[in-house]
Protein backbone atom coordinates (compact mmCIF):
# COMPACT_ATOMS: atom_id res chain seq x y z
CA MET A 1 14.79 5.72 -7.14
CA PHE A 2 17.05 8.29 -9.67
CA TRP A 3 15.69 5.16 -12.33
CA LYS A 4 12.54 6.97 -12.18
CA THR A 5 14.12 9.76 -13.67
CA ALA A 6 15.15 10.61 -17.65
CA THR A 7 16.53 13.05 -19.99
CA ILE A 8 13.06 13.90 -22.75
CA ILE A 9 14.74 14.78 -26.09
CA PRO A 10 12.82 16.41 -28.32
CA VAL A 11 13.16 15.10 -32.31
CA PRO A 12 11.83 16.20 -34.77
CA LYS A 13 8.55 14.09 -36.59
CA LYS A 14 9.47 16.23 -39.74
CA PRO A 15 11.42 18.69 -41.46
CA CYS A 16 12.04 22.62 -40.72
CA PRO A 17 9.22 21.73 -37.65
CA SER A 18 7.34 24.95 -37.01
CA GLU A 19 5.87 23.91 -33.22
CA LEU A 20 6.16 21.90 -30.21
CA ASN A 21 3.34 19.45 -31.54
CA HIS A 22 6.30 18.68 -34.61
CA TYR A 23 8.95 17.06 -31.69
CA ARG A 24 7.97 13.42 -30.20
CA PRO A 25 9.58 13.25 -26.77
CA VAL A 26 12.31 10.69 -26.12
CA ALA A 27 13.30 9.30 -22.90
CA LEU A 28 16.59 8.71 -22.57
CA THR A 29 16.42 6.30 -19.04
CA SER A 30 18.93 4.69 -17.51
CA ILE A 31 20.18 1.13 -17.78
CA ILE A 32 18.78 0.00 -14.51
CA ALA A 33 15.59 1.68 -15.59
CA LYS A 34 15.83 -0.67 -19.36
CA CYS A 35 16.94 -3.99 -16.61
CA LEU A 36 14.03 -3.53 -14.95
CA GLU A 37 11.39 -2.49 -17.89
CA LYS A 38 12.85 -5.57 -19.48
CA LEU A 39 12.48 -7.93 -16.37
CA VAL A 40 8.16 -6.82 -15.56
CA LEU A 41 7.71 -7.70 -19.24
CA ASN A 42 8.84 -11.34 -19.41
CA ILE A 43 6.58 -11.97 -16.62
CA ILE A 44 3.71 -9.73 -17.55
CA LEU A 45 3.81 -10.77 -21.51
CA PRO A 46 3.70 -14.19 -20.95
CA VAL A 47 0.21 -13.53 -19.32
CA VAL A 48 -1.42 -11.33 -21.12
CA SER A 49 -0.22 -11.95 -24.53
CA PRO A 50 -2.98 -14.97 -24.42
CA ARG A 51 -5.97 -12.32 -24.09
CA LEU A 52 -4.75 -9.25 -26.22
CA ASP A 53 -6.77 -9.06 -29.53
CA PRO A 54 -5.02 -10.49 -32.73
CA TYR A 55 -5.05 -7.69 -34.74
CA GLN A 56 -3.23 -5.84 -32.64
CA PHE A 57 -0.10 -4.42 -34.27
CA ALA A 58 1.36 -1.61 -32.49
CA TYR A 59 3.21 -2.20 -29.80
CA LYS A 60 4.06 -6.10 -30.66
CA ALA A 61 7.41 -8.36 -31.79
CA LYS A 62 7.55 -8.64 -34.64
CA ARG A 63 4.29 -6.85 -36.42
CA GLY A 64 3.89 -2.95 -37.61
CA THR A 65 2.20 -0.96 -39.95
CA GLU A 66 3.00 -3.39 -43.15
CA ASP A 67 0.83 -5.79 -40.87
CA ALA A 68 -2.14 -3.83 -40.32
CA VAL A 69 -2.09 -2.53 -44.01
CA ALA A 70 -1.65 -6.66 -45.13
CA CYS A 71 -4.47 -7.85 -42.96
CA LEU A 72 -7.01 -5.01 -44.13
CA LEU A 73 -6.33 -4.89 -47.65
CA TYR A 74 -6.45 -8.90 -47.41
CA THR A 75 -10.25 -8.70 -45.18
CA VAL A 76 -11.14 -6.18 -47.90
CA LEU A 77 -10.57 -7.73 -50.69
CA HIS A 78 -11.86 -11.11 -49.76
CA HIS A 79 -15.13 -9.05 -48.47
CA GLN A 80 -15.24 -7.70 -52.02
CA ALA A 81 -14.97 -10.92 -53.46
CA THR A 82 -19.78 -11.13 -53.51
CA PRO A 83 -20.82 -9.19 -55.06
CA GLY A 84 -22.77 -6.53 -53.59
CA ASN A 85 -20.12 -6.18 -50.58
CA HIS A 86 -19.74 -2.62 -49.13
CA THR A 87 -16.56 -1.79 -47.13
CA ARG A 88 -16.69 1.07 -44.93
CA ILE A 89 -13.32 1.98 -43.47
CA LEU A 90 -13.20 3.88 -39.78
CA LEU A 91 -9.05 5.39 -38.85
CA ILE A 92 -9.04 6.77 -35.21
CA ASN A 93 -5.41 8.41 -34.28
CA PHE A 94 -5.20 8.46 -30.97
CA SER A 95 -2.53 11.58 -30.56
CA SER A 96 -0.60 11.66 -27.59
CA SER A 97 -2.41 8.32 -26.13
CA PHE A 98 -0.04 7.23 -23.62
CA ASN A 99 0.59 10.87 -22.16
CA THR A 100 -3.35 9.95 -21.40
CA ILE A 101 -3.15 6.73 -19.54
CA GLN A 102 -5.33 6.81 -16.23
CA CYS A 103 -3.15 4.92 -13.63
CA HIS A 104 -6.35 3.58 -11.66
CA ILE A 105 -8.17 2.30 -15.25
CA MET A 106 -4.69 0.62 -16.30
CA ILE A 107 -4.38 -1.16 -12.64
CA THR A 108 -8.13 -2.88 -13.86
CA LYS A 109 -7.42 -3.67 -16.76
CA LEU A 110 -4.27 -5.61 -15.39
CA TYR A 111 -5.90 -7.38 -12.63
CA HIS A 112 -8.58 -8.33 -16.20
CA LEU A 113 -5.52 -9.76 -17.84
CA HIS A 114 -5.64 -11.94 -14.84
CA VAL A 115 -1.38 -10.54 -14.12
CA PRO A 116 -0.13 -11.57 -11.35
CA PRO A 117 -2.06 -9.51 -8.00
CA LEU A 118 1.46 -8.98 -6.36
CA LEU A 119 3.17 -7.66 -8.78
CA ILE A 120 0.12 -5.60 -10.05
CA ARG A 121 0.83 -3.85 -6.75
CA TRP A 122 4.64 -2.84 -7.23
CA ILE A 123 3.62 -1.69 -10.77
CA HIS A 124 0.59 0.49 -9.09
CA ASN A 125 3.08 1.12 -6.01
CA PHE A 126 6.22 2.32 -8.30
CA LEU A 127 4.34 4.45 -10.60
CA MET A 128 2.25 6.60 -7.54
CA THR A 129 5.22 6.44 -5.66
CA PRO A 130 7.40 10.15 -6.46
CA TRP A 131 10.75 10.30 -7.58
CA TRP A 132 12.11 12.07 -5.00
CA CYS A 133 10.85 9.95 -2.11
CA GLY A 134 13.59 7.97 -0.55
CA LEU A 135 16.10 10.52 -1.46
CA SER A 136 16.07 11.61 2.50
CA HIS A 137 17.77 8.56 3.81
CA SER A 138 20.20 8.28 1.22
CA ILE A 139 21.24 11.93 2.25
CA SER A 140 23.97 12.24 5.16
């Protein structure tokens, strides 16, 4: 299960970082782990893509912050074209959001997105089984 291990490299978010929160942890995983991720993604993406929010810009191919800003600007300007309209914008930064994902909630969401149950069970098992399980079988 060595594909569950990673080397964490702290990358500065800004010049001259002075505290730990000024670093972004980047996980270097094995080539086998990257291939496995790609295989799972190729199965899940066609299933969930039609059900994703069209205004999601992060973590989507060929979508980024520029697209989000352009969409927001277009929406605001289109709305402001009518006299008397006002616009309020709330921007939220979910800091370290991927560090707070709860497995049971994610599994439930995968079911609601119609991901094949066998794949959901495999993902759950992969995430919940500690990396050291199975090592005793390979040690002679």
